[in-house]
PDB file of N, CA and C in Angstrom:
ATOM      1  N   MET A   1     -21.042  16.600  -5.488  1.00  0.00           N
ATOM      2  CA  MET A   1     -21.578  17.943  -6.018  1.00  0.00           C
ATOM      3  C   MET A   1     -20.779  18.372  -7.186  1.00  0.00           C
ATOM      4  N   LYS A   2     -21.335  18.966  -8.104  1.00  0.00           N
ATOM      5  CA  LYS A   2     -20.682  19.207  -9.466  1.00  0.00           C
ATOM      6  C   LYS A   2     -20.275  20.752  -9.330  1.00  0.00           C
ATOM      7  N   CYS A   3     -19.179  20.939 -10.085  1.00  0.00           N
ATOM      8  CA  CYS A   3     -18.615  22.311 -10.232  1.00  0.00           C
ATOM      9  C   CYS A   3     -19.669  23.288 -10.784  1.00  0.00           C
ATOM     10  N   PHE A   4     -19.829  24.417 -10.212  1.00  0.00           N
ATOM     11  CA  PHE A   4     -20.729  25.541 -10.670  1.00  0.00           C
ATOM     12  C   PHE A   4     -20.736  25.788 -12.034  1.00  0.00           C
ATOM     13  N   PHE A   5     -19.507  25.915 -12.626  1.00  0.00           N
ATOM     14  CA  PHE A   5     -19.425  26.348 -14.067  1.00  0.00           C
ATOM     15  C   PHE A   5     -19.625  25.135 -14.985  1.00  0.00           C
ATOM     16  N   CYS A   6     -19.260  23.943 -14.451  1.00  0.00           N
ATOM     17  CA  CYS A   6     -19.412  22.746 -15.244  1.00  0.00           C
ATOM     18  C   CYS A   6     -21.003  22.377 -15.304  1.00  0.00           C
ATOM     19  N   GLN A   7     -21.574  22.695 -14.243  1.00  0.00           N
ATOM     20  CA  GLN A   7     -23.060  22.354 -14.151  1.00  0.00           C
ATOM     21  C   GLN A   7     -23.870  23.201 -15.055  1.00  0.00           C
ATOM     22  N   TYR A   8     -23.569  24.530 -15.253  1.00  0.00           N
ATOM     23  CA  TYR A   8     -24.235  25.420 -15.996  1.00  0.00           C
ATOM     24  C   TYR A   8     -23.579  25.667 -17.460  1.00  0.00           C
ATOM     25  N   LYS A   9     -22.509  24.859 -17.722  1.00  0.00           N
ATOM     26  CA  LYS A   9     -21.855  24.887 -18.920  1.00  0.00           C
ATOM     27  C   LYS A   9     -21.491  26.323 -19.395  1.00  0.00           C
ATOM     28  N   THR A  10     -20.706  27.026 -18.431  1.00  0.00           N
ATOM     29  CA  THR A  10     -20.283  28.431 -18.642  1.00  0.00           C
ATOM     30  C   THR A  10     -18.851  28.499 -18.293  1.00  0.00           C
ATOM     31  N   GLU A  11     -18.271  29.629 -18.490  1.00  0.00           N
ATOM     32  CA  GLU A  11     -16.819  29.921 -18.140  1.00  0.00           C
ATOM     33  C   GLU A  11     -16.837  31.112 -17.235  1.00  0.00           C
ATOM     34  N   PRO A  12     -15.951  31.248 -16.306  1.00  0.00           N
ATOM     35  CA  PRO A  12     -15.869  32.535 -15.516  1.00  0.00           C
ATOM     36  C   PRO A  12     -15.433  33.679 -16.373  1.00  0.00           C
ATOM     37  N   SER A  13     -15.995  34.845 -16.096  1.00  0.00           N
ATOM     38  CA  SER A  13     -15.789  35.992 -16.909  1.00  0.00           C
ATOM     39  C   SER A  13     -15.503  37.153 -16.076  1.00  0.00           C
ATOM     40  N   PHE A  14     -14.466  38.149 -16.305  1.00  0.00           N
ATOM     41  CA  PHE A  14     -14.446  39.316 -15.505  1.00  0.00           C
ATOM     42  C   PHE A  14     -15.582  40.234 -15.530  1.00  0.00           C
ATOM     43  N   LYS A  15     -16.353  40.099 -16.593  1.00  0.00           N
ATOM     44  CA  LYS A  15     -17.569  40.993 -16.816  1.00  0.00           C
ATOM     45  C   LYS A  15     -18.781  40.600 -15.934  1.00  0.00           C
ATOM     46  N   ASP A  16     -18.743  39.355 -15.560  1.00  0.00           N
ATOM     47  CA  ASP A  16     -19.780  38.845 -14.743  1.00  0.00           C
ATOM     48  C   ASP A  16     -19.624  38.865 -13.331  1.00  0.00           C
ATOM     49  N   LEU A  17     -19.802  40.103 -12.756  1.00  0.00           N
ATOM     50  CA  LEU A  17     -19.511  40.458 -11.309  1.00  0.00           C
ATOM     51  C   LEU A  17     -20.284  39.568 -10.398  1.00  0.00           C
ATOM     52  N   ASP A  18     -21.558  39.428 -10.649  1.00  0.00           N
ATOM     53  CA  ASP A  18     -22.420  38.683  -9.778  1.00  0.00           C
ATOM     54  C   ASP A  18     -22.016  37.283  -9.480  1.00  0.00           C
ATOM     55  N   ASN A  19     -21.428  36.673 -10.547  1.00  0.00           N
ATOM     56  CA  ASN A  19     -20.921  35.178 -10.270  1.00  0.00           C
ATOM     57  C   ASN A  19     -19.599  35.282  -9.661  1.00  0.00           C
ATOM     58  N   LEU A  20     -18.760  36.299  -9.923  1.00  0.00           N
ATOM     59  CA  LEU A  20     -17.402  36.404  -9.319  1.00  0.00           C
ATOM     60  C   LEU A  20     -17.523  36.577  -7.803  1.00  0.00           C
ATOM     61  N   GLU A  21     -18.518  37.397  -7.456  1.00  0.00           N
ATOM     62  CA  GLU A  21     -18.706  37.700  -6.121  1.00  0.00           C
ATOM     63  C   GLU A  21     -19.102  36.534  -5.114  1.00  0.00           C
ATOM     64  N   LYS A  22     -19.735  35.485  -5.742  1.00  0.00           N
ATOM     65  CA  LYS A  22     -20.149  34.297  -5.066  1.00  0.00           C
ATOM     66  C   LYS A  22     -18.914  33.597  -4.530  1.00  0.00           C
ATOM     67  N   PHE A  23     -17.786  33.773  -5.123  1.00  0.00           N
ATOM     68  CA  PHE A  23     -16.618  33.045  -4.806  1.00  0.00           C
ATOM     69  C   PHE A  23     -15.574  33.930  -4.093  1.00  0.00           C
ATOM     70  N   LEU A  24     -16.146  35.055  -3.390  1.00  0.00           N
ATOM     71  CA  LEU A  24     -15.205  35.951  -2.549  1.00  0.00           C
ATOM     72  C   LEU A  24     -15.768  35.875  -1.136  1.00  0.00           C
ATOM     73  N   SER A  25     -14.897  35.862  -0.142  1.00  0.00           N
ATOM     74  CA  SER A  25     -15.332  36.040   1.250  1.00  0.00           C
ATOM     75  C   SER A  25     -15.782  37.365   1.426  1.00  0.00           C
ATOM     76  N   PRO A  26     -16.299  37.659   2.761  1.00  0.00           N
ATOM     77  CA  PRO A  26     -16.842  39.037   3.037  1.00  0.00           C
ATOM     78  C   PRO A  26     -15.631  39.997   3.061  1.00  0.00           C
ATOM     79  N   ARG A  27     -14.450  39.716   3.224  1.00  0.00           N
ATOM     80  CA  ARG A  27     -13.343  40.541   3.125  1.00  0.00           C
ATOM     81  C   ARG A  27     -12.695  40.538   1.634  1.00  0.00           C
ATOM     82  N   LYS A  28     -13.415  40.014   0.729  1.00  0.00           N
ATOM     83  CA  LYS A  28     -13.092  40.032  -0.721  1.00  0.00           C
ATOM     84  C   LYS A  28     -11.766  39.135  -1.015  1.00  0.00           C
ATOM     85  N   LYS A  29     -11.537  38.121  -0.251  1.00  0.00           N
ATOM     86  CA  LYS A  29     -10.474  37.300  -0.525  1.00  0.00           C
ATOM     87  C   LYS A  29     -11.143  36.122  -1.429  1.00  0.00           C
ATOM     88  N   ILE A  30     -10.252  35.492  -2.230  1.00  0.00           N
ATOM     89  CA  ILE A  30     -10.745  34.447  -3.074  1.00  0.00           C
ATOM     90  C   ILE A  30     -10.976  33.159  -2.276  1.00  0.00           C
ATOM     91  N   VAL A  31     -12.116  32.558  -2.271  1.00  0.00           N
ATOM     92  CA  VAL A  31     -12.418  31.254  -1.605  1.00  0.00           C
ATOM     93  C   VAL A  31     -11.668  30.135  -2.141  1.00  0.00           C
ATOM     94  N   ASN A  32     -11.157  29.279  -1.317  1.00  0.00           N
ATOM     95  CA  ASN A  32     -10.497  28.020  -1.772  1.00  0.00           C
ATOM     96  C   ASN A  32     -11.337  27.025  -2.459  1.00  0.00           C
ATOM     97  N   ARG A  33     -10.840  26.074  -3.083  1.00  0.00           N
ATOM     98  CA  ARG A  33     -11.543  24.950  -3.834  1.00  0.00           C
ATOM     99  C   ARG A  33     -12.377  24.202  -3.011  1.00  0.00           C
ATOM    100  N   GLU A  34     -12.084  23.895  -1.760  1.00  0.00           N
ATOM    101  CA  GLU A  34     -12.826  23.008  -0.911  1.00  0.00           C
ATOM    102  C   GLU A  34     -14.086  23.856  -0.637  1.00  0.00           C
ATOM    103  N   LYS A  35     -14.086  25.032  -0.422  1.00  0.00           N
ATOM    104  CA  LYS A  35     -15.251  25.794  -0.030  1.00  0.00           C
ATOM    105  C   LYS A  35     -16.144  26.278  -1.221  1.00  0.00           C
ATOM    106  N   SER A  36     -15.514  26.506  -2.329  1.00  0.00           N
ATOM    107  CA  SER A  36     -16.263  26.913  -3.529  1.00  0.00           C
ATOM    108  C   SER A  36     -16.709  25.689  -4.407  1.00  0.00           C
ATOM    109  N   ASN A  37     -16.250  24.488  -4.187  1.00  0.00           N
ATOM    110  CA  ASN A  37     -16.635  23.317  -4.853  1.00  0.00           C
ATOM    111  C   ASN A  37     -16.500  23.445  -6.353  1.00  0.00           C
ATOM    112  N   LEU A  38     -15.337  23.952  -6.702  1.00  0.00           N
ATOM    113  CA  LEU A  38     -15.050  24.138  -8.124  1.00  0.00           C
ATOM    114  C   LEU A  38     -14.109  23.122  -8.571  1.00  0.00           C
ATOM    115  N   CYS A  39     -14.040  22.696  -9.878  1.00  0.00           N
ATOM    116  CA  CYS A  39     -13.034  21.729 -10.353  1.00  0.00           C
ATOM    117  C   CYS A  39     -11.657  22.564 -10.451  1.00  0.00           C
ATOM    118  N   ALA A  40     -10.574  22.014 -10.640  1.00  0.00           N
ATOM    119  CA  ALA A  40      -9.326  22.684 -10.560  1.00  0.00           C
ATOM    120  C   ALA A  40      -9.223  23.638 -11.825  1.00  0.00           C
ATOM    121  N   LYS A  41      -9.755  23.105 -12.974  1.00  0.00           N
ATOM    122  CA  LYS A  41      -9.798  24.025 -14.268  1.00  0.00           C
ATOM    123  C   LYS A  41     -10.368  25.216 -14.032  1.00  0.00           C
ATOM    124  N   HIS A  42     -11.564  25.229 -13.379  1.00  0.00           N
ATOM    125  CA  HIS A  42     -12.384  26.473 -13.338  1.00  0.00           C
ATOM    126  C   HIS A  42     -11.923  27.317 -12.151  1.00  0.00           C
ATOM    127  N   GLN A  43     -11.328  26.676 -11.138  1.00  0.00           N
ATOM    128  CA  GLN A  43     -10.835  27.493 -10.076  1.00  0.00           C
ATOM    129  C   GLN A  43      -9.551  28.368 -10.518  1.00  0.00           C
ATOM    130  N   ARG A  44      -8.683  27.733 -11.280  1.00  0.00           N
ATOM    131  CA  ARG A  44      -7.673  28.533 -11.956  1.00  0.00           C
ATOM    132  C   ARG A  44      -8.096  29.677 -12.769  1.00  0.00           C
ATOM    133  N   LYS A  45      -9.147  29.383 -13.619  1.00  0.00           N
ATOM    134  CA  LYS A  45      -9.727  30.380 -14.469  1.00  0.00           C
ATOM    135  C   LYS A  45     -10.392  31.429 -13.631  1.00  0.00           C
ATOM    136  N   LEU A  46     -11.162  31.075 -12.707  1.00  0.00           N
ATOM    137  CA  LEU A  46     -11.806  31.977 -11.877  1.00  0.00           C
ATOM    138  C   LEU A  46     -10.760  33.065 -11.046  1.00  0.00           C
ATOM    139  N   THR A  47      -9.743  32.440 -10.656  1.00  0.00           N
ATOM    140  CA  THR A  47      -8.711  33.229  -9.898  1.00  0.00           C
ATOM    141  C   THR A  47      -8.217  34.314 -10.964  1.00  0.00           C
ATOM    142  N   LYS A  48      -7.772  33.964 -12.039  1.00  0.00           N
ATOM    143  CA  LYS A  48      -7.305  34.827 -13.001  1.00  0.00           C
ATOM    144  C   LYS A  48      -8.417  35.932 -13.437  1.00  0.00           C
ATOM    145  N   GLU A  49      -9.622  35.520 -13.540  1.00  0.00           N
ATOM    146  CA  GLU A  49     -10.545  36.477 -13.893  1.00  0.00           C
ATOM    147  C   GLU A  49     -10.924  37.340 -12.715  1.00  0.00           C
ATOM    148  N   ILE A  50     -10.912  36.947 -11.571  1.00  0.00           N
ATOM    149  CA  ILE A  50     -11.124  37.813 -10.344  1.00  0.00           C
ATOM    150  C   ILE A  50      -9.902  38.902 -10.369  1.00  0.00           C
ATOM    151  N   LYS A  51      -8.637  38.446 -10.439  1.00  0.00           N
ATOM    152  CA  LYS A  51      -7.483  39.287 -10.422  1.00  0.00           C
ATOM    153  C   LYS A  51      -7.589  40.365 -11.488  1.00  0.00           C
ATOM    154  N   TYR A  52      -7.995  39.924 -12.715  1.00  0.00           N
ATOM    155  CA  TYR A  52      -8.211  40.889 -13.806  1.00  0.00           C
ATOM    156  C   TYR A  52      -9.289  41.898 -13.465  1.00  0.00           C
ATOM    157  N   ALA A  53     -10.390  41.519 -13.032  1.00  0.00           N
ATOM    158  CA  ALA A  53     -11.391  42.414 -12.543  1.00  0.00           C
ATOM    159  C   ALA A  53     -10.884  43.474 -11.475  1.00  0.00           C
ATOM    160  N   ARG A  54     -10.087  42.914 -10.540  1.00  0.00           N
ATOM    161  CA  ARG A  54      -9.516  43.773  -9.563  1.00  0.00           C
ATOM    162  C   ARG A  54      -8.581  44.827 -10.294  1.00  0.00           C
ATOM    163  N   TYR A  55      -7.743  44.362 -11.177  1.00  0.00           N
ATOM    164  CA  TYR A  55      -6.869  45.187 -11.917  1.00  0.00           C
ATOM    165  C   TYR A  55      -7.670  46.346 -12.645  1.00  0.00           C
ATOM    166  N   LEU A  56      -8.822  46.020 -13.175  1.00  0.00           N
ATOM    167  CA  LEU A  56      -9.667  47.014 -13.965  1.00  0.00           C
ATOM    168  C   LEU A  56     -10.537  47.839 -12.909  1.00  0.00           C
ATOM    169  N   ALA A  57     -10.354  47.676 -11.624  1.00  0.00           N
ATOM    170  CA  ALA A  57     -11.137  48.355 -10.549  1.00  0.00           C
ATOM    171  C   ALA A  57     -12.601  47.941 -10.654  1.00  0.00           C
ATOM    172  N   MET A  58     -12.951  46.948 -11.045  1.00  0.00           N
ATOM    173  CA  MET A  58     -14.450  46.413 -11.032  1.00  0.00           C
ATOM    174  C   MET A  58     -14.681  45.686  -9.706  1.00  0.00           C
ATOM    175  N   LEU A  59     -13.709  45.245  -9.103  1.00  0.00           N
ATOM    176  CA  LEU A  59     -13.866  44.565  -7.827  1.00  0.00           C
ATOM    177  C   LEU A  59     -12.743  45.192  -6.879  1.00  0.00           C
ATOM    178  N   PRO A  60     -13.050  45.293  -5.620  1.00  0.00           N
ATOM    179  CA  PRO A  60     -11.954  45.783  -4.603  1.00  0.00           C
ATOM    180  C   PRO A  60     -10.971  44.695  -4.317  1.00  0.00           C
ATOM    181  N   TYR A  61      -9.768  45.106  -3.819  1.00  0.00           N
ATOM    182  CA  TYR A  61      -8.754  44.188  -3.507  1.00  0.00           C
ATOM    183  C   TYR A  61      -9.188  43.737  -2.074  1.00  0.00           C
ATOM    184  N   VAL A  62      -9.518  44.659  -1.033  1.00  0.00           N
ATOM    185  CA  VAL A  62      -9.843  44.229   0.220  1.00  0.00           C
ATOM    186  C   VAL A  62     -11.011  45.039   0.601  1.00  0.00           C
ATOM    187  N   SER A  63     -11.775  44.496   1.599  1.00  0.00           N
ATOM    188  CA  SER A  63     -12.997  45.341   2.223  1.00  0.00           C
ATOM    189  C   SER A  63     -13.021  45.154   3.543  1.00  0.00           C
ATOM    190  N   TYR A  64     -12.920  46.219   4.395  1.00  0.00           N
ATOM    191  CA  TYR A  64     -13.009  46.172   5.833  1.00  0.00           C
ATOM    192  C   TYR A  64     -14.266  46.855   6.398  1.00  0.00           C
ATOM    193  N   GLN A  65     -15.183  47.208   5.518  1.00  0.00           N
ATOM    194  CA  GLN A  65     -16.435  47.861   5.928  1.00  0.00           C
ATOM    195  C   GLN A  65     -17.293  46.939   6.698  1.00  0.00           C
ATOM    196  N   GLY A  66     -17.692  47.326   7.886  1.00  0.00           N
ATOM    197  CA  GLY A  66     -18.576  46.653   8.729  1.00  0.00           C
ATOM    198  C   GLY A  66     -17.893  45.493   9.351  1.00  0.00           C
ATOM    199  N   LEU A  67     -16.589  45.294   9.346  1.00  0.00           N
ATOM    200  CA  LEU A  67     -15.944  44.276  10.143  1.00  0.00           C
ATOM    201  C   LEU A  67     -14.914  44.773  11.154  1.00  0.00           C
ATOM    202  N   ARG A  68     -15.479  45.248  12.281  1.00  0.00           N
ATOM    203  CA  ARG A  68     -14.662  45.694  13.406  1.00  0.00           C
ATOM    204  C   ARG A  68     -14.607  44.713  14.478  1.00  0.00           C
TER     205      ARG A  68
END
Protein backbone atom coordinates (compact mmCIF):
# COMPACT_ATOMS: atom_id res chain seq x y z
CA MET A 1 0.00 0.00 0.00
CA LYS A 2 1.32 3.41 -0.97
CA CYS A 3 1.67 6.45 1.27
CA PHE A 4 -1.48 8.67 1.29
CA PHE A 5 0.46 11.83 0.40
CA CYS A 6 2.62 10.11 -2.25
CA GLN A 7 -0.47 8.59 -3.83
CA TYR A 8 -2.22 11.97 -4.24
CA LYS A 9 1.04 13.89 -4.86
CA THR A 10 0.38 16.37 -2.03
CA GLU A 11 2.15 17.52 1.12
CA PRO A 12 0.68 17.68 4.63
CA SER A 13 -0.37 21.22 5.57
CA PHE A 14 -1.51 22.68 8.88
CA LYS A 15 -4.35 24.43 7.01
CA ASP A 16 -5.89 21.15 5.78
CA LEU A 17 -7.50 19.99 9.03
CA ASP A 18 -9.61 17.25 7.42
CA ASN A 19 -6.52 15.39 6.24
CA LEU A 20 -4.64 15.97 9.52
CA GLU A 21 -7.51 14.52 11.57
CA LYS A 22 -7.32 11.27 9.57
CA PHE A 23 -3.98 10.62 11.26
CA LEU A 24 -5.13 11.31 14.84
CA SER A 25 -6.54 8.76 17.29
CA PRO A 26 -9.89 9.40 19.04
CA ARG A 27 -7.91 10.96 21.90
CA LYS A 28 -6.14 13.21 19.36
CA LYS A 29 -2.77 11.48 19.60
CA ILE A 30 -0.67 11.22 16.44
CA VAL A 31 -0.96 7.73 14.92
CA ASN A 32 2.31 5.85 14.32
CA ARG A 33 3.71 4.94 10.90
CA GLU A 34 2.57 1.31 10.96
CA LYS A 35 -1.08 2.33 11.42
CA SER A 36 -1.05 5.41 9.19
CA ASN A 37 0.80 3.68 6.31
CA LEU A 38 2.83 6.81 5.54
CA CYS A 39 6.40 6.90 4.29
CA ALA A 40 9.05 8.22 6.70
CA LYS A 41 9.37 11.57 4.92
CA HIS A 42 5.66 12.34 5.08
CA GLN A 43 5.27 11.00 8.64
CA ARG A 44 7.91 13.48 9.83
CA LYS A 45 6.29 16.34 7.91
CA LEU A 46 2.82 15.36 9.15
CA THR A 47 4.00 15.36 12.76
CA LYS A 48 5.43 18.86 12.42
CA GLU A 49 2.27 20.15 10.74
CA ILE A 50 0.00 18.63 13.43
CA LYS A 51 2.13 20.15 16.18
CA TYR A 52 2.04 23.54 14.45
CA ALA A 53 -1.77 23.33 14.06
CA ARG A 54 -2.02 22.53 17.78
CA TYR A 55 0.19 25.52 18.58
CA LEU A 56 -2.16 27.76 16.56
CA ALA A 57 -5.16 26.24 18.44
CA MET A 58 -6.61 24.74 15.25
CA LEU A 59 -6.44 21.23 16.75
CA PRO A 60 -6.76 20.18 20.40
CA TYR A 61 -3.81 18.66 22.24
CA VAL A 62 -5.98 16.00 23.93
CA SER A 63 -9.65 15.03 23.90
CA TYR A 64 -11.45 13.11 26.62
CA GLN A 65 -14.98 13.82 25.41
CA GLY A 66 -17.14 10.71 25.31
CA LEU A 67 -14.32 8.45 26.56
CA ARG A 68 -15.19 7.42 30.09
